[in-house]
C-alpha cells in the first residue's frame, strides 16, 4: 500500500489540523538490563523446558505497521494505530 509522505490531520498540541510528515515506526533495541527483560530471562532459565510452548506454525501472515506522524508546525510526534499490510511504501502524492 502506498502511504503519502505528508498527511493533514489533527495535532493535539496545536489543537488544529496541520500537515504532518509521515514515517514508518521502528522499535529500538530492547535493553538487556530493563526489569522486564531480566524477569523474562530468569523465567526462561531451567533444565531444557521453555516457559511457553514454541509455536509450530505462523498464526499471522503480516505485521502491523505503525505510522509516526510529526507535526510540521510544532514538531509534536504521535503514532497512528497499526494496520496490517504485506508491504507499506511511502510515496509522493501527485494532485
PDB file of N, CA and C in Angstrom:
ATOM      1  N   UNK A   1       0.844  -1.172   0.000  1.00  0.00           N
ATOM      2  CA  UNK A   1       0.000   0.000   0.000  1.00  0.00           C
ATOM      3  C   UNK A   1       0.892   1.238   0.000  1.00  0.00           C
ATOM      4  N   UNK A   2       0.549   2.193  -0.794  1.00  0.00           N
ATOM      5  CA  UNK A   2       1.294   3.443  -0.851  1.00  0.00           C
ATOM      6  C   UNK A   2       0.711   4.421   0.171  1.00  0.00           C
ATOM      7  N   UNK A   3       1.584   4.935   1.025  1.00  0.00           N
ATOM      8  CA  UNK A   3       1.182   5.867   2.072  1.00  0.00           C
ATOM      9  C   UNK A   3       1.776   7.228   1.735  1.00  0.00           C
ATOM     10  N   UNK A   4       0.968   8.310   1.770  1.00  0.00           N
ATOM     11  CA  UNK A   4       1.510   9.638   1.447  1.00  0.00           C
ATOM     12  C   UNK A   4       2.542  10.086   2.478  1.00  0.00           C
ATOM     13  N   UNK A   5       3.553  10.837   2.030  1.00  0.00           N
ATOM     14  CA  UNK A   5       4.612  11.313   2.916  1.00  0.00           C
ATOM     15  C   UNK A   5       4.136  12.456   3.800  1.00  0.00           C
ATOM     16  N   UNK A   6       3.091  13.151   3.378  1.00  0.00           N
ATOM     17  CA  UNK A   6       2.527  14.260   4.165  1.00  0.00           C
ATOM     18  C   UNK A   6       1.033  14.046   4.309  1.00  0.00           C
ATOM     19  N   UNK A   7       0.548  14.098   5.555  1.00  0.00           N
ATOM     20  CA  UNK A   7      -0.887  13.924   5.841  1.00  0.00           C
ATOM     21  C   UNK A   7      -1.360  15.141   6.622  1.00  0.00           C
ATOM     22  N   UNK A   8      -2.528  15.642   6.275  1.00  0.00           N
ATOM     23  CA  UNK A   8      -3.121  16.752   7.027  1.00  0.00           C
ATOM     24  C   UNK A   8      -4.074  16.148   8.055  1.00  0.00           C
ATOM     25  N   UNK A   9      -3.707  16.254   9.333  1.00  0.00           N
ATOM     26  CA  UNK A   9      -4.507  15.648  10.402  1.00  0.00           C
ATOM     27  C   UNK A   9      -4.419  16.485  11.672  1.00  0.00           C
ATOM     28  N   UNK A  10      -5.166  16.091  12.695  1.00  0.00           N
ATOM     29  CA  UNK A  10      -5.271  16.858  13.946  1.00  0.00           C
ATOM     30  C   UNK A  10      -4.006  16.748  14.784  1.00  0.00           C
ATOM     31  N   UNK A  11      -3.525  17.891  15.263  1.00  0.00           N
ATOM     32  CA  UNK A  11      -2.377  17.930  16.173  1.00  0.00           C
ATOM     33  C   UNK A  11      -2.890  18.331  17.557  1.00  0.00           C
ATOM     34  N   UNK A  12      -2.717  17.460  18.577  1.00  0.00           N
ATOM     35  CA  UNK A  12      -3.236  17.790  19.905  1.00  0.00           C
ATOM     36  C   UNK A  12      -2.540  18.971  20.574  1.00  0.00           C
ATOM     37  N   UNK A  13      -1.294  19.260  20.194  1.00  0.00           N
ATOM     38  CA  UNK A  13      -0.599  20.398  20.802  1.00  0.00           C
ATOM     39  C   UNK A  13      -1.049  21.714  20.179  1.00  0.00           C
ATOM     40  N   UNK A  14      -1.173  21.734  18.838  1.00  0.00           N
ATOM     41  CA  UNK A  14      -1.645  22.952  18.146  1.00  0.00           C
ATOM     42  C   UNK A  14      -3.162  23.108  18.286  1.00  0.00           C
ATOM     43  N   UNK A  15      -3.849  22.023  18.621  1.00  0.00           N
ATOM     44  CA  UNK A  15      -5.317  21.974  18.732  1.00  0.00           C
ATOM     45  C   UNK A  15      -6.003  22.391  17.427  1.00  0.00           C
ATOM     46  N   UNK A  16      -5.381  22.004  16.307  1.00  0.00           N
ATOM     47  CA  UNK A  16      -5.965  22.281  14.992  1.00  0.00           C
ATOM     48  C   UNK A  16      -5.415  21.280  13.989  1.00  0.00           C
ATOM     49  N   UNK A  17      -5.992  21.229  12.816  1.00  0.00           N
ATOM     50  CA  UNK A  17      -5.487  20.349  11.763  1.00  0.00           C
ATOM     51  C   UNK A  17      -4.285  21.001  11.091  1.00  0.00           C
ATOM     52  N   UNK A  18      -3.171  20.266  11.064  1.00  0.00           N
ATOM     53  CA  UNK A  18      -1.957  20.755  10.416  1.00  0.00           C
ATOM     54  C   UNK A  18      -1.362  19.638   9.572  1.00  0.00           C
ATOM     55  N   UNK A  19      -0.375  19.984   8.765  1.00  0.00           N
ATOM     56  CA  UNK A  19       0.296  18.971   7.959  1.00  0.00           C
ATOM     57  C   UNK A  19       1.301  18.219   8.816  1.00  0.00           C
ATOM     58  N   UNK A  20       1.338  16.899   8.650  1.00  0.00           N
ATOM     59  CA  UNK A  20       2.258  16.036   9.387  1.00  0.00           C
ATOM     60  C   UNK A  20       3.102  15.245   8.396  1.00  0.00           C
ATOM     61  N   UNK A  21       4.410  15.169   8.653  1.00  0.00           N
ATOM     62  CA  UNK A  21       5.258  14.306   7.830  1.00  0.00           C
ATOM     63  C   UNK A  21       5.166  12.885   8.386  1.00  0.00           C
ATOM     64  N   UNK A  22       5.103  11.901   7.499  1.00  0.00           N
ATOM     65  CA  UNK A  22       4.844  10.509   7.874  1.00  0.00           C
ATOM     66  C   UNK A  22       6.106   9.673   7.714  1.00  0.00           C
ATOM     67  N   UNK A  23       6.381   8.823   8.700  1.00  0.00           N
ATOM     68  CA  UNK A  23       7.435   7.819   8.577  1.00  0.00           C
ATOM     69  C   UNK A  23       6.920   6.532   9.201  1.00  0.00           C
ATOM     70  N   UNK A  24       7.568   5.424   8.900  1.00  0.00           N
ATOM     71  CA  UNK A  24       7.149   4.140   9.449  1.00  0.00           C
ATOM     72  C   UNK A  24       7.929   3.911  10.738  1.00  0.00           C
ATOM     73  N   UNK A  25       7.204   3.643  11.826  1.00  0.00           N
ATOM     74  CA  UNK A  25       7.811   3.471  13.146  1.00  0.00           C
ATOM     75  C   UNK A  25       8.584   2.161  13.222  1.00  0.00           C
ATOM     76  N   UNK A  26       9.810   2.247  13.747  1.00  0.00           N
ATOM     77  CA  UNK A  26      10.609   1.047  14.003  1.00  0.00           C
ATOM     78  C   UNK A  26      11.031   1.085  15.463  1.00  0.00           C
ATOM     79  N   UNK A  27      10.781  -0.009  16.175  1.00  0.00           N
ATOM     80  CA  UNK A  27      11.140  -0.048  17.591  1.00  0.00           C
ATOM     81  C   UNK A  27      12.650  -0.170  17.743  1.00  0.00           C
ATOM     82  N   UNK A  28      13.160   0.338  18.847  1.00  0.00           N
ATOM     83  CA  UNK A  28      14.591   0.269  19.127  1.00  0.00           C
ATOM     84  C   UNK A  28      14.981  -1.086  19.708  1.00  0.00           C
ATOM     85  N   UNK A  29      16.263  -1.234  19.992  1.00  0.00           N
ATOM     86  CA  UNK A  29      16.733  -2.479  20.586  1.00  0.00           C
ATOM     87  C   UNK A  29      16.266  -2.567  22.035  1.00  0.00           C
ATOM     88  N   UNK A  30      15.892  -3.775  22.480  1.00  0.00           N
ATOM     89  CA  UNK A  30      15.455  -3.950  23.856  1.00  0.00           C
ATOM     90  C   UNK A  30      16.646  -3.829  24.792  1.00  0.00           C
ATOM     91  N   UNK A  31      16.455  -3.193  25.932  1.00  0.00           N
ATOM     92  CA  UNK A  31      17.534  -3.016  26.902  1.00  0.00           C
ATOM     93  C   UNK A  31      17.676  -4.278  27.742  1.00  0.00           C
ATOM     94  N   UNK A  32      18.863  -4.832  27.768  1.00  0.00           N
ATOM     95  CA  UNK A  32      19.106  -6.089  28.482  1.00  0.00           C
ATOM     96  C   UNK A  32      18.965  -5.935  29.992  1.00  0.00           C
ATOM     97  N   UNK A  33      19.185  -4.725  30.509  1.00  0.00           N
ATOM     98  CA  UNK A  33      19.128  -4.522  31.957  1.00  0.00           C
ATOM     99  C   UNK A  33      17.783  -4.003  32.451  1.00  0.00           C
ATOM    100  N   UNK A  34      16.799  -3.870  31.570  1.00  0.00           N
ATOM    101  CA  UNK A  34      15.466  -3.434  31.992  1.00  0.00           C
ATOM    102  C   UNK A  34      14.843  -4.517  32.873  1.00  0.00           C
ATOM    103  N   UNK A  35      14.034  -4.113  33.841  1.00  0.00           N
ATOM    104  CA  UNK A  35      13.475  -5.064  34.810  1.00  0.00           C
ATOM    105  C   UNK A  35      12.674  -6.170  34.125  1.00  0.00           C
ATOM    106  N   UNK A  36      11.854  -5.809  33.160  1.00  0.00           N
ATOM    107  CA  UNK A  36      11.034  -6.805  32.463  1.00  0.00           C
ATOM    108  C   UNK A  36      11.879  -7.815  31.706  1.00  0.00           C
ATOM    109  N   UNK A  37      12.948  -7.356  31.090  1.00  0.00           N
ATOM    110  CA  UNK A  37      13.835  -8.242  30.332  1.00  0.00           C
ATOM    111  C   UNK A  37      14.571  -9.196  31.275  1.00  0.00           C
ATOM    112  N   UNK A  38      15.011  -8.692  32.430  1.00  0.00           N
ATOM    113  CA  UNK A  38      15.680  -9.539  33.424  1.00  0.00           C
ATOM    114  C   UNK A  38      14.727 -10.604  33.952  1.00  0.00           C
ATOM    115  N   UNK A  39      13.492 -10.200  34.213  1.00  0.00           N
ATOM    116  CA  UNK A  39      12.478 -11.135  34.705  1.00  0.00           C
ATOM    117  C   UNK A  39      12.194 -12.217  33.669  1.00  0.00           C
ATOM    118  N   UNK A  40      12.093 -11.803  32.397  1.00  0.00           N
ATOM    119  CA  UNK A  40      11.831 -12.741  31.291  1.00  0.00           C
ATOM    120  C   UNK A  40      12.961 -13.766  31.179  1.00  0.00           C
ATOM    121  N   UNK A  41      14.212 -13.298  31.201  1.00  0.00           N
ATOM    122  CA  UNK A  41      15.374 -14.200  31.105  1.00  0.00           C
ATOM    123  C   UNK A  41      15.403 -15.188  32.269  1.00  0.00           C
ATOM    124  N   UNK A  42      15.086 -14.688  33.468  1.00  0.00           N
ATOM    125  CA  UNK A  42      15.081 -15.555  34.658  1.00  0.00           C
ATOM    126  C   UNK A  42      14.038 -16.654  34.514  1.00  0.00           C
ATOM    127  N   UNK A  43      12.852 -16.298  34.003  1.00  0.00           N
ATOM    128  CA  UNK A  43      11.779 -17.285  33.830  1.00  0.00           C
ATOM    129  C   UNK A  43      12.116 -18.303  32.755  1.00  0.00           C
ATOM    130  N   UNK A  44      12.882 -17.881  31.737  1.00  0.00           N
ATOM    131  CA  UNK A  44      13.235 -18.769  30.624  1.00  0.00           C
ATOM    132  C   UNK A  44      14.269 -19.817  31.043  1.00  0.00           C
ATOM    133  N   UNK A  45      15.041 -19.537  32.105  1.00  0.00           N
ATOM    134  CA  UNK A  45      16.074 -20.474  32.544  1.00  0.00           C
ATOM    135  C   UNK A  45      15.466 -21.783  33.037  1.00  0.00           C
ATOM    136  N   UNK A  46      16.286 -22.832  33.029  1.00  0.00           N
ATOM    137  CA  UNK A  46      15.810 -24.111  33.552  1.00  0.00           C
ATOM    138  C   UNK A  46      16.488 -25.262  32.840  1.00  0.00           C
ATOM    139  N   UNK A  47      15.985 -26.445  33.092  1.00  0.00           N
ATOM    140  CA  UNK A  47      16.570 -27.650  32.506  1.00  0.00           C
ATOM    141  C   UNK A  47      15.769 -28.078  31.275  1.00  0.00           C
ATOM    142  N   UNK A  48      16.070 -27.481  30.145  1.00  0.00           N
ATOM    143  CA  UNK A  48      15.506 -27.959  28.881  1.00  0.00           C
ATOM    144  C   UNK A  48      14.117 -27.484  28.524  1.00  0.00           C
ATOM    145  N   UNK A  49      13.282 -27.157  29.487  1.00  0.00           N
ATOM    146  CA  UNK A  49      11.911 -26.801  29.126  1.00  0.00           C
ATOM    147  C   UNK A  49      11.775 -25.291  28.987  1.00  0.00           C
ATOM    148  N   UNK A  50      10.820 -24.879  28.162  1.00  0.00           N
ATOM    149  CA  UNK A  50      10.551 -23.458  27.959  1.00  0.00           C
ATOM    150  C   UNK A  50       9.360 -23.067  28.822  1.00  0.00           C
ATOM    151  N   UNK A  51       9.261 -21.771  29.068  1.00  0.00           N
ATOM    152  CA  UNK A  51       8.159 -21.250  29.877  1.00  0.00           C
ATOM    153  C   UNK A  51       6.839 -21.369  29.129  1.00  0.00           C
ATOM    154  N   UNK A  52       6.896 -21.141  27.805  1.00  0.00           N
ATOM    155  CA  UNK A  52       5.694 -21.246  26.961  1.00  0.00           C
ATOM    156  C   UNK A  52       6.011 -22.192  25.816  1.00  0.00           C
ATOM    157  N   UNK A  53       5.012 -22.881  25.279  1.00  0.00           N
ATOM    158  CA  UNK A  53       5.285 -23.779  24.161  1.00  0.00           C
ATOM    159  C   UNK A  53       5.683 -22.999  22.911  1.00  0.00           C
ATOM    160  N   UNK A  54       6.619 -23.530  22.139  1.00  0.00           N
ATOM    161  CA  UNK A  54       7.037 -22.867  20.904  1.00  0.00           C
ATOM    162  C   UNK A  54       5.964 -23.041  19.848  1.00  0.00           C
ATOM    163  N   UNK A  55       5.768 -22.005  19.052  1.00  0.00           N
ATOM    164  CA  UNK A  55       4.734 -22.035  18.027  1.00  0.00           C
ATOM    165  C   UNK A  55       5.159 -22.938  16.876  1.00  0.00           C
ATOM    166  N   UNK A  56       4.257 -23.815  16.457  1.00  0.00           N
ATOM    167  CA  UNK A  56       4.569 -24.766  15.385  1.00  0.00           C
ATOM    168  C   UNK A  56       4.541 -24.103  14.005  1.00  0.00           C
ATOM    169  N   UNK A  57       3.579 -23.189  13.816  1.00  0.00           N
ATOM    170  CA  UNK A  57       3.451 -22.503  12.517  1.00  0.00           C
ATOM    171  C   UNK A  57       3.045 -21.051  12.766  1.00  0.00           C
ATOM    172  N   UNK A  58       3.205 -20.244  11.749  1.00  0.00           N
ATOM    173  CA  UNK A  58       2.852 -18.834  11.878  1.00  0.00           C
ATOM    174  C   UNK A  58       1.342 -18.666  11.968  1.00  0.00           C
ATOM    175  N   UNK A  59       0.903 -17.837  12.870  1.00  0.00           N
ATOM    176  CA  UNK A  59      -0.519 -17.557  13.006  1.00  0.00           C
ATOM    177  C   UNK A  59      -0.926 -16.419  12.074  1.00  0.00           C
ATOM    178  N   UNK A  60       0.001 -15.504  11.851  1.00  0.00           N
ATOM    179  CA  UNK A  60      -0.296 -14.329  11.022  1.00  0.00           C
ATOM    180  C   UNK A  60       0.657 -14.278   9.831  1.00  0.00           C
ATOM    181  N   UNK A  61       0.158 -13.709   8.739  1.00  0.00           N
ATOM    182  CA  UNK A  61       0.951 -13.594   7.515  1.00  0.00           C
ATOM    183  C   UNK A  61       1.658 -12.234   7.469  1.00  0.00           C
ATOM    184  N   UNK A  62       1.055 -11.227   8.115  1.00  0.00           N
ATOM    185  CA  UNK A  62       1.578  -9.871   8.030  1.00  0.00           C
ATOM    186  C   UNK A  62       1.895  -9.318   9.414  1.00  0.00           C
ATOM    187  N   UNK A  63       2.660  -8.236   9.439  1.00  0.00           N
ATOM    188  CA  UNK A  63       2.936  -7.500  10.672  1.00  0.00           C
ATOM    189  C   UNK A  63       2.121  -6.207  10.630  1.00  0.00           C
ATOM    190  N   UNK A  64       1.836  -5.663  11.810  1.00  0.00           N
ATOM    191  CA  UNK A  64       1.138  -4.379  11.865  1.00  0.00           C
ATOM    192  C   UNK A  64       2.158  -3.258  11.676  1.00  0.00           C
ATOM    193  N   UNK A  65       1.834  -2.317  10.792  1.00  0.00           N
ATOM    194  CA  UNK A  65       2.707  -1.178  10.514  1.00  0.00           C
ATOM    195  C   UNK A  65       2.154   0.038  11.249  1.00  0.00           C
ATOM    196  N   UNK A  66       3.004   0.634  12.114  1.00  0.00           N
ATOM    197  CA  UNK A  66       2.606   1.826  12.872  1.00  0.00           C
ATOM    198  C   UNK A  66       3.193   3.049  12.172  1.00  0.00           C
ATOM    199  N   UNK A  67       2.364   4.072  11.948  1.00  0.00           N
ATOM    200  CA  UNK A  67       2.828   5.299  11.304  1.00  0.00           C
ATOM    201  C   UNK A  67       3.217   6.322  12.371  1.00  0.00           C
ATOM    202  N   UNK A  68       4.355   6.973  12.170  1.00  0.00           N
ATOM    203  CA  UNK A  68       4.838   8.013  13.075  1.00  0.00           C
ATOM    204  C   UNK A  68       4.604   9.353  12.394  1.00  0.00           C
ATOM    205  N   UNK A  69       3.740  10.162  12.979  1.00  0.00           N
ATOM    206  CA  UNK A  69       3.386  11.454  12.389  1.00  0.00           C
ATOM    207  C   UNK A  69       4.081  12.577  13.158  1.00  0.00           C
ATOM    208  N   UNK A  70       4.730  13.475  12.426  1.00  0.00           N
ATOM    209  CA  UNK A  70       5.411  14.612  13.050  1.00  0.00           C
ATOM    210  C   UNK A  70       4.791  15.900  12.510  1.00  0.00           C
ATOM    211  N   UNK A  71       4.280  16.720  13.420  1.00  0.00           N
ATOM    212  CA  UNK A  71       3.652  17.987  13.034  1.00  0.00           C
ATOM    213  C   UNK A  71       4.699  18.914  12.443  1.00  0.00           C
ATOM    214  N   UNK A  72       4.421  19.449  11.265  1.00  0.00           N
ATOM    215  CA  UNK A  72       5.366  20.347  10.600  1.00  0.00           C
ATOM    216  C   UNK A  72       5.387  21.738  11.231  1.00  0.00           C
ATOM    217  N   UNK A  73       4.372  22.038  12.055  1.00  0.00           N
ATOM    218  CA  UNK A  73       4.288  23.366  12.671  1.00  0.00           C
ATOM    219  C   UNK A  73       5.024  23.407  14.017  1.00  0.00           C
ATOM    220  N   UNK A  74       4.730  22.440  14.900  1.00  0.00           N
ATOM    221  CA  UNK A  74       5.320  22.484  16.251  1.00  0.00           C
ATOM    222  C   UNK A  74       6.293  21.337  16.526  1.00  0.00           C
ATOM    223  N   UNK A  75       6.335  20.323  15.657  1.00  0.00           N
ATOM    224  CA  UNK A  75       7.280  19.228  15.840  1.00  0.00           C
ATOM    225  C   UNK A  75       6.788  18.105  16.740  1.00  0.00           C
ATOM    226  N   UNK A  76       5.530  18.180  17.177  1.00  0.00           N
ATOM    227  CA  UNK A  76       4.952  17.139  18.051  1.00  0.00           C
ATOM    228  C   UNK A  76       4.824  15.827  17.285  1.00  0.00           C
ATOM    229  N   UNK A  77       5.200  14.718  17.929  1.00  0.00           N
ATOM    230  CA  UNK A  77       5.120  13.417  17.267  1.00  0.00           C
ATOM    231  C   UNK A  77       4.030  12.573  17.895  1.00  0.00           C
ATOM    232  N   UNK A  78       3.276  11.899  17.046  1.00  0.00           N
ATOM    233  CA  UNK A  78       2.269  10.967  17.533  1.00  0.00           C
ATOM    234  C   UNK A  78       2.260   9.727  16.655  1.00  0.00           C
ATOM    235  N   UNK A  79       1.791   8.632  17.201  1.00  0.00           N
ATOM    236  CA  UNK A  79       1.730   7.372  16.461  1.00  0.00           C
ATOM    237  C   UNK A  79       0.304   7.100  16.022  1.00  0.00           C
ATOM    238  N   UNK A  80       0.158   6.644  14.801  1.00  0.00           N
ATOM    239  CA  UNK A  80      -1.144   6.244  14.285  1.00  0.00           C
ATOM    240  C   UNK A  80      -1.260   4.739  14.439  1.00  0.00           C
ATOM    241  N   UNK A  81      -2.409   4.267  14.911  1.00  0.00           N
ATOM    242  CA  UNK A  81      -2.627   2.853  15.206  1.00  0.00           C
ATOM    243  C   UNK A  81      -2.203   1.956  14.048  1.00  0.00           C
ATOM    244  N   UNK A  82      -1.590   0.830  14.358  1.00  0.00           N
ATOM    245  CA  UNK A  82      -1.055  -0.076  13.344  1.00  0.00           C
ATOM    246  C   UNK A  82      -2.118  -0.748  12.503  1.00  0.00           C
ATOM    247  N   UNK A  83      -1.835  -0.891  11.199  1.00  0.00           N
ATOM    248  CA  UNK A  83      -2.726  -1.612  10.298  1.00  0.00           C
ATOM    249  C   UNK A  83      -1.939  -2.732   9.628  1.00  0.00           C
ATOM    250  N   UNK A  84      -2.599  -3.839   9.337  1.00  0.00           N
ATOM    251  CA  UNK A  84      -1.928  -4.991   8.747  1.00  0.00           C
ATOM    252  C   UNK A  84      -1.724  -4.773   7.253  1.00  0.00           C
ATOM    253  N   UNK A  85      -0.469  -4.813   6.828  1.00  0.00           N
ATOM    254  CA  UNK A  85      -0.125  -4.642   5.422  1.00  0.00           C
ATOM    255  C   UNK A  85       0.972  -5.623   5.057  1.00  0.00           C
ATOM    256  N   UNK A  86       0.906  -6.169   3.848  1.00  0.00           N
ATOM    257  CA  UNK A  86       2.005  -7.012   3.379  1.00  0.00           C
ATOM    258  C   UNK A  86       3.198  -6.130   3.044  1.00  0.00           C
ATOM    259  N   UNK A  87       2.931  -4.973   2.432  1.00  0.00           N
ATOM    260  CA  UNK A  87       4.011  -4.069   2.052  1.00  0.00           C
ATOM    261  C   UNK A  87       3.548  -2.622   2.214  1.00  0.00           C
ATOM    262  N   UNK A  88       4.284  -1.846   2.988  1.00  0.00           N
ATOM    263  CA  UNK A  88       3.986  -0.424   3.171  1.00  0.00           C
ATOM    264  C   UNK A  88       5.079   0.384   2.490  1.00  0.00           C
ATOM    265  N   UNK A  89       4.652   1.361   1.705  1.00  0.00           N
ATOM    266  CA  UNK A  89       5.612   2.159   0.936  1.00  0.00           C
ATOM    267  C   UNK A  89       5.221   3.627   1.029  1.00  0.00           C
ATOM    268  N   UNK A  90       6.180   4.479   1.438  1.00  0.00           N
ATOM    269  CA  UNK A  90       5.927   5.915   1.488  1.00  0.00           C
ATOM    270  C   UNK A  90       6.092   6.480   0.085  1.00  0.00           C
ATOM    271  N   UNK A  91       5.079   7.209  -0.391  1.00  0.00           N
ATOM    272  CA  UNK A  91       5.101   7.709  -1.760  1.00  0.00           C
ATOM    273  C   UNK A  91       4.640   9.159  -1.818  1.00  0.00           C
ATOM    274  N   UNK A  92       5.189   9.887  -2.772  1.00  0.00           N
ATOM    275  CA  UNK A  92       4.737  11.258  -3.049  1.00  0.00           C
ATOM    276  C   UNK A  92       3.371  11.188  -3.711  1.00  0.00           C
ATOM    277  N   UNK A  93       2.460  12.026  -3.237  1.00  0.00           N
ATOM    278  CA  UNK A  93       1.128  12.059  -3.835  1.00  0.00           C
ATOM    279  C   UNK A  93       1.061  13.193  -4.830  1.00  0.00           C
ATOM    280  N   UNK A  94       0.740  12.878  -6.083  1.00  0.00           N
ATOM    281  CA  UNK A  94       0.638  13.889  -7.141  1.00  0.00           C
ATOM    282  C   UNK A  94      -0.825  14.248  -7.297  1.00  0.00           C
ATOM    283  N   UNK A  95      -1.114  15.561  -7.206  1.00  0.00           N
ATOM    284  CA  UNK A  95      -2.507  16.001  -7.308  1.00  0.00           C
ATOM    285  C   UNK A  95      -2.804  16.553  -8.666  1.00  0.00           C
TER     286      UNK A  95
END
